[in-house]
Amino acid sequence: MCTALGQIAESLNDDIGAGLQPRGLRRYDITQLTHGVSYMNQVNANARITALDVPLRNLTSTINDLQNQYQLVTVSDEDGTWHPMSASQEQDLDQASAQQDTLTGLVSQLQQSNHCPPPPAG
């Protein structure tokens, strides 16, 4: 369980945290966010950490909504192109950020309660 929690914590930071940029959305950010939730769901499915089921499902739903809205706005672009966000996208981004915080706190609590060793230094 500790390994799975560590993998999920890392993805929350590296994939979700890096993808949630307040200044706009790029195709790369959406790809990173969708990769992150897909990876975390796969890890959780294998580890069966039921406490994470609902928060992960909520984050996945928000990211999918963000991706669907993004695809409506942009037909095709270069990877580095920034697109201004609609109010709805900004709301989804804020919601995803709050859900990320919730999951990060929950993973941290589970790591402590399971006496998981701290992650290796960077």
PDB file of N, CA and C in Angstrom:
ATOM      1  N   MET A   1       0.822  -1.193   0.000  1.00  0.00           N
ATOM      2  CA  MET A   1       0.000   0.000   0.000  1.00  0.00           C
ATOM      3  C   MET A   1       0.866   1.258   0.000  1.00  0.00           C
ATOM      4  N   CYS A   2       1.984   1.205   0.723  1.00  0.00           N
ATOM      5  CA  CYS A   2       2.847   2.387   0.791  1.00  0.00           C
ATOM      6  C   CYS A   2       3.395   2.761  -0.583  1.00  0.00           C
ATOM      7  N   THR A   3       3.752   1.758  -1.365  1.00  0.00           N
ATOM      8  CA  THR A   3       4.262   2.035  -2.711  1.00  0.00           C
ATOM      9  C   THR A   3       3.195   2.730  -3.546  1.00  0.00           C
ATOM     10  N   ALA A   4       1.977   2.218  -3.508  1.00  0.00           N
ATOM     11  CA  ALA A   4       0.878   2.820  -4.277  1.00  0.00           C
ATOM     12  C   ALA A   4       0.601   4.244  -3.808  1.00  0.00           C
ATOM     13  N   LEU A   5       0.586   4.460  -2.510  1.00  0.00           N
ATOM     14  CA  LEU A   5       0.351   5.807  -1.984  1.00  0.00           C
ATOM     15  C   LEU A   5       1.448   6.762  -2.442  1.00  0.00           C
ATOM     16  N   GLY A   6       2.688   6.277  -2.443  1.00  0.00           N
ATOM     17  CA  GLY A   6       3.806   7.102  -2.911  1.00  0.00           C
ATOM     18  C   GLY A   6       3.667   7.460  -4.383  1.00  0.00           C
ATOM     19  N   GLN A   7       3.236   6.487  -5.185  1.00  0.00           N
ATOM     20  CA  GLN A   7       3.053   6.734  -6.619  1.00  0.00           C
ATOM     21  C   GLN A   7       1.931   7.741  -6.852  1.00  0.00           C
ATOM     22  N   ILE A   8       0.864   7.623  -6.096  1.00  0.00           N
ATOM     23  CA  ILE A   8      -0.259   8.553  -6.243  1.00  0.00           C
ATOM     24  C   ILE A   8       0.150   9.951  -5.783  1.00  0.00           C
ATOM     25  N   ALA A   9       0.874  10.035  -4.665  1.00  0.00           N
ATOM     26  CA  ALA A   9       1.339  11.336  -4.174  1.00  0.00           C
ATOM     27  C   ALA A   9       2.241  12.012  -5.204  1.00  0.00           C
ATOM     28  N   GLU A  10       3.113  11.227  -5.812  1.00  0.00           N
ATOM     29  CA  GLU A  10       4.026  11.773  -6.819  1.00  0.00           C
ATOM     30  C   GLU A  10       3.258  12.274  -8.044  1.00  0.00           C
ATOM     31  N   SER A  11       2.267  11.522  -8.476  1.00  0.00           N
ATOM     32  CA  SER A  11       1.474  11.936  -9.631  1.00  0.00           C
ATOM     33  C   SER A  11       0.634  13.177  -9.316  1.00  0.00           C
ATOM     34  N   LEU A  12       0.111  13.251  -8.095  1.00  0.00           N
ATOM     35  CA  LEU A  12      -0.644  14.444  -7.691  1.00  0.00           C
ATOM     36  C   LEU A  12       0.229  15.686  -7.803  1.00  0.00           C
ATOM     37  N   ASN A  13       1.494  15.549  -7.424  1.00  0.00           N
ATOM     38  CA  ASN A  13       2.411  16.677  -7.471  1.00  0.00           C
ATOM     39  C   ASN A  13       2.917  16.936  -8.891  1.00  0.00           C
ATOM     40  N   ASP A  14       3.455  15.888  -9.522  1.00  0.00           N
ATOM     41  CA  ASP A  14       4.138  16.062 -10.806  1.00  0.00           C
ATOM     42  C   ASP A  14       3.185  16.242 -11.981  1.00  0.00           C
ATOM     43  N   ASP A  15       2.126  15.454 -12.036  1.00  0.00           N
ATOM     44  CA  ASP A  15       1.208  15.528 -13.177  1.00  0.00           C
ATOM     45  C   ASP A  15       0.108  16.560 -12.961  1.00  0.00           C
ATOM     46  N   ILE A  16      -0.592  16.426 -11.846  1.00  0.00           N
ATOM     47  CA  ILE A  16      -1.737  17.308 -11.607  1.00  0.00           C
ATOM     48  C   ILE A  16      -1.261  18.705 -11.223  1.00  0.00           C
ATOM     49  N   GLY A  17      -0.327  18.777 -10.290  1.00  0.00           N
ATOM     50  CA  GLY A  17       0.179  20.081  -9.858  1.00  0.00           C
ATOM     51  C   GLY A  17       0.790  20.882 -10.994  1.00  0.00           C
ATOM     52  N   ALA A  18       1.581  20.206 -11.818  1.00  0.00           N
ATOM     53  CA  ALA A  18       2.227  20.896 -12.940  1.00  0.00           C
ATOM     54  C   ALA A  18       1.223  21.267 -14.028  1.00  0.00           C
ATOM     55  N   GLY A  19       0.175  20.465 -14.175  1.00  0.00           N
ATOM     56  CA  GLY A  19      -0.811  20.737 -15.221  1.00  0.00           C
ATOM     57  C   GLY A  19      -1.794  21.833 -14.873  1.00  0.00           C
ATOM     58  N   LEU A  20      -1.961  22.100 -13.585  1.00  0.00           N
ATOM     59  CA  LEU A  20      -2.916  23.124 -13.148  1.00  0.00           C
ATOM     60  C   LEU A  20      -2.242  24.492 -13.122  1.00  0.00           C
ATOM     61  N   GLN A  21      -2.160  25.110 -14.267  1.00  0.00           N
ATOM     62  CA  GLN A  21      -1.536  26.424 -14.376  1.00  0.00           C
ATOM     63  C   GLN A  21      -2.622  27.496 -14.398  1.00  0.00           C
ATOM     64  N   PRO A  22      -2.479  28.536 -13.581  1.00  0.00           N
ATOM     65  CA  PRO A  22      -3.533  29.548 -13.502  1.00  0.00           C
ATOM     66  C   PRO A  22      -3.612  30.474 -14.712  1.00  0.00           C
ATOM     67  N   ARG A  23      -2.596  30.494 -15.566  1.00  0.00           N
ATOM     68  CA  ARG A  23      -2.571  31.506 -16.621  1.00  0.00           C
ATOM     69  C   ARG A  23      -3.265  31.085 -17.914  1.00  0.00           C
ATOM     70  N   GLY A  24      -3.601  29.839 -18.058  1.00  0.00           N
ATOM     71  CA  GLY A  24      -4.252  29.398 -19.285  1.00  0.00           C
ATOM     72  C   GLY A  24      -4.075  27.912 -19.461  1.00  0.00           C
ATOM     73  N   LEU A  25      -4.477  27.419 -20.605  1.00  0.00           N
ATOM     74  CA  LEU A  25      -4.370  25.989 -20.876  1.00  0.00           C
ATOM     75  C   LEU A  25      -3.617  25.752 -22.171  1.00  0.00           C
ATOM     76  N   ARG A  26      -2.755  24.772 -22.137  1.00  0.00           N
ATOM     77  CA  ARG A  26      -2.098  24.302 -23.350  1.00  0.00           C
ATOM     78  C   ARG A  26      -2.495  22.849 -23.535  1.00  0.00           C
ATOM     79  N   ARG A  27      -2.357  22.370 -24.745  1.00  0.00           N
ATOM     80  CA  ARG A  27      -2.639  20.961 -25.014  1.00  0.00           C
ATOM     81  C   ARG A  27      -1.784  20.083 -24.093  1.00  0.00           C
ATOM     82  N   TYR A  28      -0.539  20.502 -23.862  1.00  0.00           N
ATOM     83  CA  TYR A  28       0.359  19.743 -22.994  1.00  0.00           C
ATOM     84  C   TYR A  28      -0.218  19.608 -21.582  1.00  0.00           C
ATOM     85  N   ASP A  29      -0.782  20.688 -21.055  1.00  0.00           N
ATOM     86  CA  ASP A  29      -1.343  20.647 -19.696  1.00  0.00           C
ATOM     87  C   ASP A  29      -2.489  19.646 -19.611  1.00  0.00           C
ATOM     88  N   ILE A  30      -3.366  19.672 -20.603  1.00  0.00           N
ATOM     89  CA  ILE A  30      -4.498  18.745 -20.623  1.00  0.00           C
ATOM     90  C   ILE A  30      -3.993  17.308 -20.694  1.00  0.00           C
ATOM     91  N   THR A  31      -2.991  17.075 -21.546  1.00  0.00           N
ATOM     92  CA  THR A  31      -2.411  15.734 -21.670  1.00  0.00           C
ATOM     93  C   THR A  31      -1.827  15.280 -20.345  1.00  0.00           C
ATOM     94  N   GLN A  32      -1.135  16.189 -19.671  1.00  0.00           N
ATOM     95  CA  GLN A  32      -0.515  15.857 -18.389  1.00  0.00           C
ATOM     96  C   GLN A  32      -1.574  15.546 -17.328  1.00  0.00           C
ATOM     97  N   LEU A  33      -2.629  16.335 -17.298  1.00  0.00           N
ATOM     98  CA  LEU A  33      -3.708  16.119 -16.327  1.00  0.00           C
ATOM     99  C   LEU A  33      -4.415  14.786 -16.571  1.00  0.00           C
ATOM    100  N   THR A  34      -4.742  14.512 -17.834  1.00  0.00           N
ATOM    101  CA  THR A  34      -5.451  13.262 -18.129  1.00  0.00           C
ATOM    102  C   THR A  34      -4.550  12.055 -17.891  1.00  0.00           C
ATOM    103  N   HIS A  35      -3.263  12.201 -18.193  1.00  0.00           N
ATOM    104  CA  HIS A  35      -2.321  11.114 -17.889  1.00  0.00           C
ATOM    105  C   HIS A  35      -2.282  10.874 -16.381  1.00  0.00           C
ATOM    106  N   GLY A  36      -2.236  11.953 -15.616  1.00  0.00           N
ATOM    107  CA  GLY A  36      -2.156  11.831 -14.158  1.00  0.00           C
ATOM    108  C   GLY A  36      -3.341  11.103 -13.560  1.00  0.00           C
ATOM    109  N   VAL A  37      -4.547  11.490 -13.957  1.00  0.00           N
ATOM    110  CA  VAL A  37      -5.716  10.823 -13.371  1.00  0.00           C
ATOM    111  C   VAL A  37      -5.816   9.377 -13.845  1.00  0.00           C
ATOM    112  N   SER A  38      -5.439   9.130 -15.088  1.00  0.00           N
ATOM    113  CA  SER A  38      -5.459   7.758 -15.597  1.00  0.00           C
ATOM    114  C   SER A  38      -4.474   6.887 -14.811  1.00  0.00           C
ATOM    115  N   TYR A  39      -3.285   7.403 -14.607  1.00  0.00           N
ATOM    116  CA  TYR A  39      -2.253   6.671 -13.868  1.00  0.00           C
ATOM    117  C   TYR A  39      -2.694   6.407 -12.428  1.00  0.00           C
ATOM    118  N   MET A  40      -3.212   7.436 -11.761  1.00  0.00           N
ATOM    119  CA  MET A  40      -3.626   7.271 -10.360  1.00  0.00           C
ATOM    120  C   MET A  40      -4.779   6.285 -10.233  1.00  0.00           C
ATOM    121  N   ASN A  41      -5.707   6.320 -11.173  1.00  0.00           N
ATOM    122  CA  ASN A  41      -6.810   5.358 -11.144  1.00  0.00           C
ATOM    123  C   ASN A  41      -6.306   3.934 -11.344  1.00  0.00           C
ATOM    124  N   GLN A  42      -5.321   3.770 -12.217  1.00  0.00           N
ATOM    125  CA  GLN A  42      -4.745   2.443 -12.453  1.00  0.00           C
ATOM    126  C   GLN A  42      -4.035   1.934 -11.196  1.00  0.00           C
ATOM    127  N   VAL A  43      -3.233   2.790 -10.582  1.00  0.00           N
ATOM    128  CA  VAL A  43      -2.527   2.414  -9.349  1.00  0.00           C
ATOM    129  C   VAL A  43      -3.536   2.054  -8.269  1.00  0.00           C
ATOM    130  N   ASN A  44      -4.576   2.884  -8.128  1.00  0.00           N
ATOM    131  CA  ASN A  44      -5.569   2.640  -7.086  1.00  0.00           C
ATOM    132  C   ASN A  44      -6.386   1.381  -7.355  1.00  0.00           C
ATOM    133  N   ALA A  45      -6.663   1.098  -8.614  1.00  0.00           N
ATOM    134  CA  ALA A  45      -7.404  -0.127  -8.944  1.00  0.00           C
ATOM    135  C   ALA A  45      -6.608  -1.359  -8.531  1.00  0.00           C
ATOM    136  N   ASN A  46      -5.300  -1.298  -8.727  1.00  0.00           N
ATOM    137  CA  ASN A  46      -4.445  -2.425  -8.342  1.00  0.00           C
ATOM    138  C   ASN A  46      -4.277  -2.521  -6.830  1.00  0.00           C
ATOM    139  N   ALA A  47      -4.170  -1.367  -6.168  1.00  0.00           N
ATOM    140  CA  ALA A  47      -3.921  -1.357  -4.719  1.00  0.00           C
ATOM    141  C   ALA A  47      -5.208  -1.463  -3.907  1.00  0.00           C
ATOM    142  N   ARG A  48      -6.327  -1.142  -4.525  1.00  0.00           N
ATOM    143  CA  ARG A  48      -7.640  -1.187  -3.867  1.00  0.00           C
ATOM    144  C   ARG A  48      -7.684  -0.356  -2.576  1.00  0.00           C
ATOM    145  N   ILE A  49      -7.293   0.906  -2.695  1.00  0.00           N
ATOM    146  CA  ILE A  49      -7.356   1.821  -1.555  1.00  0.00           C
ATOM    147  C   ILE A  49      -8.718   2.510  -1.625  1.00  0.00           C
ATOM    148  N   THR A  50      -9.704   1.909  -0.980  1.00  0.00           N
ATOM    149  CA  THR A  50     -11.091   2.369  -1.134  1.00  0.00           C
ATOM    150  C   THR A  50     -11.308   3.806  -0.666  1.00  0.00           C
ATOM    151  N   ALA A  51     -10.509   4.266   0.276  1.00  0.00           N
ATOM    152  CA  ALA A  51     -10.664   5.641   0.763  1.00  0.00           C
ATOM    153  C   ALA A  51     -10.396   6.663  -0.342  1.00  0.00           C
ATOM    154  N   LEU A  52      -9.678   6.256  -1.382  1.00  0.00           N
ATOM    155  CA  LEU A  52      -9.360   7.178  -2.473  1.00  0.00           C
ATOM    156  C   LEU A  52     -10.343   7.095  -3.635  1.00  0.00           C
ATOM    157  N   ASP A  53     -11.237   6.113  -3.619  1.00  0.00           N
ATOM    158  CA  ASP A  53     -12.137   5.893  -4.757  1.00  0.00           C
ATOM    159  C   ASP A  53     -12.947   7.134  -5.125  1.00  0.00           C
ATOM    160  N   VAL A  54     -13.666   7.690  -4.175  1.00  0.00           N
ATOM    161  CA  VAL A  54     -14.552   8.822  -4.471  1.00  0.00           C
ATOM    162  C   VAL A  54     -13.758  10.084  -4.819  1.00  0.00           C
ATOM    163  N   PRO A  55     -12.742  10.469  -4.021  1.00  0.00           N
ATOM    164  CA  PRO A  55     -11.994  11.673  -4.403  1.00  0.00           C
ATOM    165  C   PRO A  55     -11.320  11.549  -5.776  1.00  0.00           C
ATOM    166  N   LEU A  56     -10.814  10.367  -6.101  1.00  0.00           N
ATOM    167  CA  LEU A  56     -10.201  10.170  -7.420  1.00  0.00           C
ATOM    168  C   LEU A  56     -11.242  10.238  -8.529  1.00  0.00           C
ATOM    169  N   ARG A  57     -12.404   9.673  -8.276  1.00  0.00           N
ATOM    170  CA  ARG A  57     -13.489   9.726  -9.265  1.00  0.00           C
ATOM    171  C   ARG A  57     -13.909  11.183  -9.504  1.00  0.00           C
ATOM    172  N   ASN A  58     -13.977  11.969  -8.435  1.00  0.00           N
ATOM    173  CA  ASN A  58     -14.346  13.383  -8.563  1.00  0.00           C
ATOM    174  C   ASN A  58     -13.312  14.154  -9.380  1.00  0.00           C
ATOM    175  N   LEU A  59     -12.032  13.941  -9.069  1.00  0.00           N
ATOM    176  CA  LEU A  59     -10.971  14.632  -9.802  1.00  0.00           C
ATOM    177  C   LEU A  59     -10.975  14.204 -11.270  1.00  0.00           C
ATOM    178  N   THR A  60     -11.153  12.930 -11.519  1.00  0.00           N
ATOM    179  CA  THR A  60     -11.192  12.417 -12.892  1.00  0.00           C
ATOM    180  C   THR A  60     -12.331  13.066 -13.670  1.00  0.00           C
ATOM    181  N   SER A  61     -13.484  13.183 -13.055  1.00  0.00           N
ATOM    182  CA  SER A  61     -14.639  13.803 -13.702  1.00  0.00           C
ATOM    183  C   SER A  61     -14.355  15.265 -14.042  1.00  0.00           C
ATOM    184  N   THR A  62     -13.750  15.988 -13.119  1.00  0.00           N
ATOM    185  CA  THR A  62     -13.430  17.397 -13.353  1.00  0.00           C
ATOM    186  C   THR A  62     -12.424  17.544 -14.488  1.00  0.00           C
ATOM    187  N   ILE A  63     -11.385  16.712 -14.490  1.00  0.00           N
ATOM    188  CA  ILE A  63     -10.363  16.776 -15.538  1.00  0.00           C
ATOM    189  C   ILE A  63     -10.974  16.412 -16.896  1.00  0.00           C
ATOM    190  N   ASN A  64     -11.838  15.404 -16.924  1.00  0.00           N
ATOM    191  CA  ASN A  64     -12.499  15.035 -18.182  1.00  0.00           C
ATOM    192  C   ASN A  64     -13.358  16.180 -18.708  1.00  0.00           C
ATOM    193  N   ASP A  65     -14.060  16.865 -17.809  1.00  0.00           N
ATOM    194  CA  ASP A  65     -14.878  18.010 -18.197  1.00  0.00           C
ATOM    195  C   ASP A  65     -13.995  19.122 -18.762  1.00  0.00           C
ATOM    196  N   LEU A  66     -12.876  19.363 -18.095  1.00  0.00           N
ATOM    197  CA  LEU A  66     -11.926  20.375 -18.548  1.00  0.00           C
ATOM    198  C   LEU A  66     -11.400  20.027 -19.938  1.00  0.00           C
ATOM    199  N   GLN A  67     -11.081  18.767 -20.149  1.00  0.00           N
ATOM    200  CA  GLN A  67     -10.584  18.312 -21.449  1.00  0.00           C
ATOM    201  C   GLN A  67     -11.652  18.477 -22.535  1.00  0.00           C
ATOM    202  N   ASN A  68     -12.883  18.105 -22.229  1.00  0.00           N
ATOM    203  CA  ASN A  68     -13.966  18.233 -23.210  1.00  0.00           C
ATOM    204  C   ASN A  68     -14.199  19.690 -23.597  1.00  0.00           C
ATOM    205  N   GLN A  69     -14.178  20.578 -22.620  1.00  0.00           N
ATOM    206  CA  GLN A  69     -14.352  22.006 -22.905  1.00  0.00           C
ATOM    207  C   GLN A  69     -13.191  22.534 -23.734  1.00  0.00           C
ATOM    208  N   TYR A  70     -11.995  22.083 -23.410  1.00  0.00           N
ATOM    209  CA  TYR A  70     -10.802  22.523 -24.134  1.00  0.00           C
ATOM    210  C   TYR A  70     -10.904  22.132 -25.603  1.00  0.00           C
ATOM    211  N   GLN A  71     -11.358  20.913 -25.856  1.00  0.00           N
ATOM    212  CA  GLN A  71     -11.461  20.438 -27.231  1.00  0.00           C
ATOM    213  C   GLN A  71     -12.531  21.201 -28.011  1.00  0.00           C
ATOM    214  N   LEU A  72     -13.524  21.719 -27.326  1.00  0.00           N
ATOM    215  CA  LEU A  72     -14.532  22.542 -27.995  1.00  0.00           C
ATOM    216  C   LEU A  72     -13.950  23.887 -28.416  1.00  0.00           C
ATOM    217  N   VAL A  73     -13.011  24.396 -27.618  1.00  0.00           N
ATOM    218  CA  VAL A  73     -12.436  25.716 -27.867  1.00  0.00           C
ATOM    219  C   VAL A  73     -11.347  25.651 -28.935  1.00  0.00           C
ATOM    220  N   THR A  74     -10.545  24.605 -28.919  1.00  0.00           N
ATOM    221  CA  THR A  74      -9.402  24.523 -29.820  1.00  0.00           C
ATOM    222  C   THR A  74      -9.565  23.356 -30.773  1.00  0.00           C
ATOM    223  N   VAL A  75      -9.518  23.656 -32.031  1.00  0.00           N
ATOM    224  CA  VAL A  75      -9.594  22.596 -33.030  1.00  0.00           C
ATOM    225  C   VAL A  75      -8.212  21.977 -33.190  1.00  0.00           C
ATOM    226  N   SER A  76      -7.214  22.821 -33.354  1.00  0.00           N
ATOM    227  CA  SER A  76      -5.853  22.338 -33.536  1.00  0.00           C
ATOM    228  C   SER A  76      -4.916  23.465 -33.132  1.00  0.00           C
ATOM    229  N   ASP A  77      -3.817  23.118 -32.507  1.00  0.00           N
ATOM    230  CA  ASP A  77      -2.845  24.140 -32.156  1.00  0.00           C
ATOM    231  C   ASP A  77      -1.479  23.501 -31.965  1.00  0.00           C
ATOM    232  N   GLU A  78      -0.492  24.354 -31.850  1.00  0.00           N
ATOM    233  CA  GLU A  78       0.842  23.875 -31.504  1.00  0.00           C
ATOM    234  C   GLU A  78       0.854  23.584 -30.011  1.00  0.00           C
ATOM    235  N   ASP A  79       1.759  22.728 -29.613  1.00  0.00           N
ATOM    236  CA  ASP A  79       1.787  22.278 -28.225  1.00  0.00           C
ATOM    237  C   ASP A  79       1.929  23.419 -27.228  1.00  0.00           C
ATOM    238  N   GLY A  80       2.678  24.451 -27.562  1.00  0.00           N
ATOM    239  CA  GLY A  80       2.955  25.505 -26.595  1.00  0.00           C
ATOM    240  C   GLY A  80       1.988  26.667 -26.611  1.00  0.00           C
ATOM    241  N   THR A  81       0.941  26.611 -27.398  1.00  0.00           N
ATOM    242  CA  THR A  81       0.013  27.730 -27.509  1.00  0.00           C
ATOM    243  C   THR A  81      -0.875  27.828 -26.268  1.00  0.00           C
ATOM    244  N   TRP A  82      -0.919  29.029 -25.706  1.00  0.00           N
ATOM    245  CA  TRP A  82      -1.805  29.275 -24.567  1.00  0.00           C
ATOM    246  C   TRP A  82      -3.166  29.706 -25.081  1.00  0.00           C
ATOM    247  N   HIS A  83      -4.208  29.239 -24.426  1.00  0.00           N
ATOM    248  CA  HIS A  83      -5.564  29.644 -24.785  1.00  0.00           C
ATOM    249  C   HIS A  83      -6.224  30.247 -23.558  1.00  0.00           C
ATOM    250  N   PRO A  84      -6.830  31.433 -23.707  1.00  0.00           N
ATOM    251  CA  PRO A  84      -7.546  32.014 -22.575  1.00  0.00           C
ATOM    252  C   PRO A  84      -8.656  31.066 -22.133  1.00  0.00           C
ATOM    253  N   MET A  85      -8.884  31.040 -20.849  1.00  0.00           N
ATOM    254  CA  MET A  85      -9.889  30.118 -20.321  1.00  0.00           C
ATOM    255  C   MET A  85     -11.252  30.781 -20.223  1.00  0.00           C
ATOM    256  N   SER A  86     -12.270  29.992 -20.452  1.00  0.00           N
ATOM    257  CA  SER A  86     -13.635  30.453 -20.221  1.00  0.00           C
ATOM    258  C   SER A  86     -13.884  30.435 -18.713  1.00  0.00           C
ATOM    259  N   ALA A  87     -14.948  31.073 -18.294  1.00  0.00           N
ATOM    260  CA  ALA A  87     -15.299  31.075 -16.868  1.00  0.00           C
ATOM    261  C   ALA A  87     -15.527  29.650 -16.373  1.00  0.00           C
ATOM    262  N   SER A  88     -16.138  28.832 -17.212  1.00  0.00           N
ATOM    263  CA  SER A  88     -16.403  27.443 -16.839  1.00  0.00           C
ATOM    264  C   SER A  88     -15.107  26.655 -16.677  1.00  0.00           C
ATOM    265  N   GLN A  89     -14.141  26.907 -17.560  1.00  0.00           N
ATOM    266  CA  GLN A  89     -12.848  26.232 -17.443  1.00  0.00           C
ATOM    267  C   GLN A  89     -12.116  26.685 -16.180  1.00  0.00           C
ATOM    268  N   GLU A  90     -12.183  27.982 -15.897  1.00  0.00           N
ATOM    269  CA  GLU A  90     -11.547  28.489 -14.680  1.00  0.00           C
ATOM    270  C   GLU A  90     -12.163  27.838 -13.446  1.00  0.00           C
ATOM    271  N   GLN A  91     -13.478  27.672 -13.466  1.00  0.00           N
ATOM    272  CA  GLN A  91     -14.168  27.028 -12.351  1.00  0.00           C
ATOM    273  C   GLN A  91     -13.706  25.570 -12.213  1.00  0.00           C
ATOM    274  N   ASP A  92     -13.594  24.869 -13.342  1.00  0.00           N
ATOM    275  CA  ASP A  92     -13.107  23.487 -13.309  1.00  0.00           C
ATOM    276  C   ASP A  92     -11.672  23.418 -12.798  1.00  0.00           C
ATOM    277  N   LEU A  93     -10.851  24.382 -13.223  1.00  0.00           N
ATOM    278  CA  LEU A  93      -9.459  24.406 -12.784  1.00  0.00           C
ATOM    279  C   LEU A  93      -9.379  24.625 -11.273  1.00  0.00           C
ATOM    280  N   ASP A  94     -10.189  25.559 -10.767  1.00  0.00           N
ATOM    281  CA  ASP A  94     -10.235  25.796  -9.319  1.00  0.00           C
ATOM    282  C   ASP A  94     -10.717  24.551  -8.583  1.00  0.00           C
ATOM    283  N   GLN A  95     -11.742  23.910  -9.144  1.00  0.00           N
ATOM    284  CA  GLN A  95     -12.287  22.702  -8.521  1.00  0.00           C
ATOM    285  C   GLN A  95     -11.249  21.580  -8.529  1.00  0.00           C
ATOM    286  N   ALA A  96     -10.549  21.414  -9.649  1.00  0.00           N
ATOM    287  CA  ALA A  96      -9.515  20.379  -9.740  1.00  0.00           C
ATOM    288  C   ALA A  96      -8.402  20.646  -8.735  1.00  0.00           C
ATOM    289  N   SER A  97      -8.056  21.909  -8.556  1.00  0.00           N
ATOM    290  CA  SER A  97      -7.013  22.272  -7.600  1.00  0.00           C
ATOM    291  C   SER A  97      -7.439  21.932  -6.173  1.00  0.00           C
ATOM    292  N   ALA A  98      -8.688  22.233  -5.841  1.00  0.00           N
ATOM    293  CA  ALA A  98      -9.209  21.896  -4.512  1.00  0.00           C
ATOM    294  C   ALA A  98      -9.260  20.381  -4.323  1.00  0.00           C
ATOM    295  N   GLN A  99      -9.658  19.661  -5.380  1.00  0.00           N
ATOM    296  CA  GLN A  99      -9.713  18.198  -5.296  1.00  0.00           C
ATOM    297  C   GLN A  99      -8.309  17.612  -5.162  1.00  0.00           C
ATOM    298  N   GLN A 100      -7.344  18.233  -5.830  1.00  0.00           N
ATOM    299  CA  GLN A 100      -5.951  17.807  -5.695  1.00  0.00           C
ATOM    300  C   GLN A 100      -5.496  17.988  -4.245  1.00  0.00           C
ATOM    301  N   ASP A 101      -5.827  19.137  -3.648  1.00  0.00           N
ATOM    302  CA  ASP A 101      -5.460  19.390  -2.249  1.00  0.00           C
ATOM    303  C   ASP A 101      -6.085  18.350  -1.323  1.00  0.00           C
ATOM    304  N   THR A 102      -7.359  18.038  -1.552  1.00  0.00           N
ATOM    305  CA  THR A 102      -8.054  17.037  -0.736  1.00  0.00           C
ATOM    306  C   THR A 102      -7.368  15.683  -0.839  1.00  0.00           C
ATOM    307  N   LEU A 103      -7.070  15.266  -2.066  1.00  0.00           N
ATOM    308  CA  LEU A 103      -6.415  13.974  -2.278  1.00  0.00           C
ATOM    309  C   LEU A 103      -5.016  13.948  -1.671  1.00  0.00           C
ATOM    310  N   THR A 104      -4.280  15.044  -1.820  1.00  0.00           N
ATOM    311  CA  THR A 104      -2.927  15.115  -1.263  1.00  0.00           C
ATOM    312  C   THR A 104      -2.976  14.951   0.253  1.00  0.00           C
ATOM    313  N   GLY A 105      -3.928  15.631   0.901  1.00  0.00           N
ATOM    314  CA  GLY A 105      -4.076  15.498   2.350  1.00  0.00           C
ATOM    315  C   GLY A 105      -4.474  14.097   2.763  1.00  0.00           C
ATOM    316  N   LEU A 106      -5.390  13.498   2.013  1.00  0.00           N
ATOM    317  CA  LEU A 106      -5.851  12.142   2.313  1.00  0.00           C
ATOM    318  C   LEU A 106      -4.724  11.130   2.141  1.00  0.00           C
ATOM    319  N   VAL A 107      -3.968  11.255   1.062  1.00  0.00           N
ATOM    320  CA  VAL A 107      -2.834  10.352   0.831  1.00  0.00           C
ATOM    321  C   VAL A 107      -1.818  10.496   1.960  1.00  0.00           C
ATOM    322  N   SER A 108      -1.554  11.722   2.371  1.00  0.00           N
ATOM    323  CA  SER A 108      -0.612  11.965   3.466  1.00  0.00           C
ATOM    324  C   SER A 108      -1.090  11.307   4.763  1.00  0.00           C
ATOM    325  N   GLN A 109      -2.378  11.444   5.063  1.00  0.00           N
ATOM    326  CA  GLN A 109      -2.940  10.803   6.264  1.00  0.00           C
ATOM    327  C   GLN A 109      -2.813   9.288   6.188  1.00  0.00           C
ATOM    328  N   LEU A 110      -3.109   8.721   5.017  1.00  0.00           N
ATOM    329  CA  LEU A 110      -3.008   7.268   4.846  1.00  0.00           C
ATOM    330  C   LEU A 110      -1.563   6.803   4.969  1.00  0.00           C
ATOM    331  N   GLN A 111      -0.636   7.603   4.459  1.00  0.00           N
ATOM    332  CA  GLN A 111       0.777   7.245   4.584  1.00  0.00           C
ATOM    333  C   GLN A 111       1.189   7.228   6.057  1.00  0.00           C
ATOM    334  N   GLN A 112       0.734   8.218   6.807  1.00  0.00           N
ATOM    335  CA  GLN A 112       1.068   8.274   8.237  1.00  0.00           C
ATOM    336  C   GLN A 112       0.429   7.123   8.997  1.00  0.00           C
ATOM    337  N   SER A 113      -0.845   6.868   8.739  1.00  0.00           N
ATOM    338  CA  SER A 113      -1.541   5.817   9.491  1.00  0.00           C
ATOM    339  C   SER A 113      -1.021   4.423   9.149  1.00  0.00           C
ATOM    340  N   ASN A 114      -0.426   4.278   7.968  1.00  0.00           N
ATOM    341  CA  ASN A 114       0.158   2.991   7.582  1.00  0.00           C
ATOM    342  C   ASN A 114       1.662   2.941   7.845  1.00  0.00           C
ATOM    343  N   HIS A 115       2.168   3.976   8.513  1.00  0.00           N
ATOM    344  CA  HIS A 115       3.588   4.053   8.881  1.00  0.00           C
ATOM    345  C   HIS A 115       4.501   3.879   7.672  1.00  0.00           C
ATOM    346  N   CYS A 116       4.135   4.528   6.577  1.00  0.00           N
ATOM    347  CA  CYS A 116       4.950   4.454   5.367  1.00  0.00           C
ATOM    348  C   CYS A 116       6.223   5.283   5.568  1.00  0.00           C
ATOM    349  N   PRO A 117       7.334   4.811   5.029  1.00  0.00           N
ATOM    350  CA  PRO A 117       8.564   5.604   5.126  1.00  0.00           C
ATOM    351  C   PRO A 117       8.429   6.870   4.280  1.00  0.00           C
ATOM    352  N   PRO A 118       9.155   7.928   4.631  1.00  0.00           N
ATOM    353  CA  PRO A 118       9.086   9.150   3.822  1.00  0.00           C
ATOM    354  C   PRO A 118       9.645   8.885   2.423  1.00  0.00           C
ATOM    355  N   PRO A 119       9.188   9.653   1.440  1.00  0.00           N
ATOM    356  CA  PRO A 119       9.707   9.448   0.081  1.00  0.00           C
ATOM    357  C   PRO A 119      11.196   9.782   0.028  1.00  0.00           C
ATOM    358  N   PRO A 120      11.932   9.140  -0.871  1.00  0.00           N
ATOM    359  CA  PRO A 120      13.353   9.454  -0.985  1.00  0.00           C
ATOM    360  C   PRO A 120      13.551  10.902  -1.415  1.00  0.00           C
ATOM    361  N   ALA A 121      14.579  11.530  -0.916  1.00  0.00           N
ATOM    362  CA  ALA A 121      14.846  12.933  -1.246  1.00  0.00           C
ATOM    363  C   ALA A 121      15.216  13.046  -2.716  1.00  0.00           C
ATOM    364  N   GLY A 122      14.623  14.057  -3.361  1.00  0.00           N
ATOM    365  CA  GLY A 122      14.677  14.361  -4.716  1.00  0.00           C
ATOM    366  C   GLY A 122      15.774  14.077  -5.600  1.00  0.00           C
TER     367      GLY A 122
END
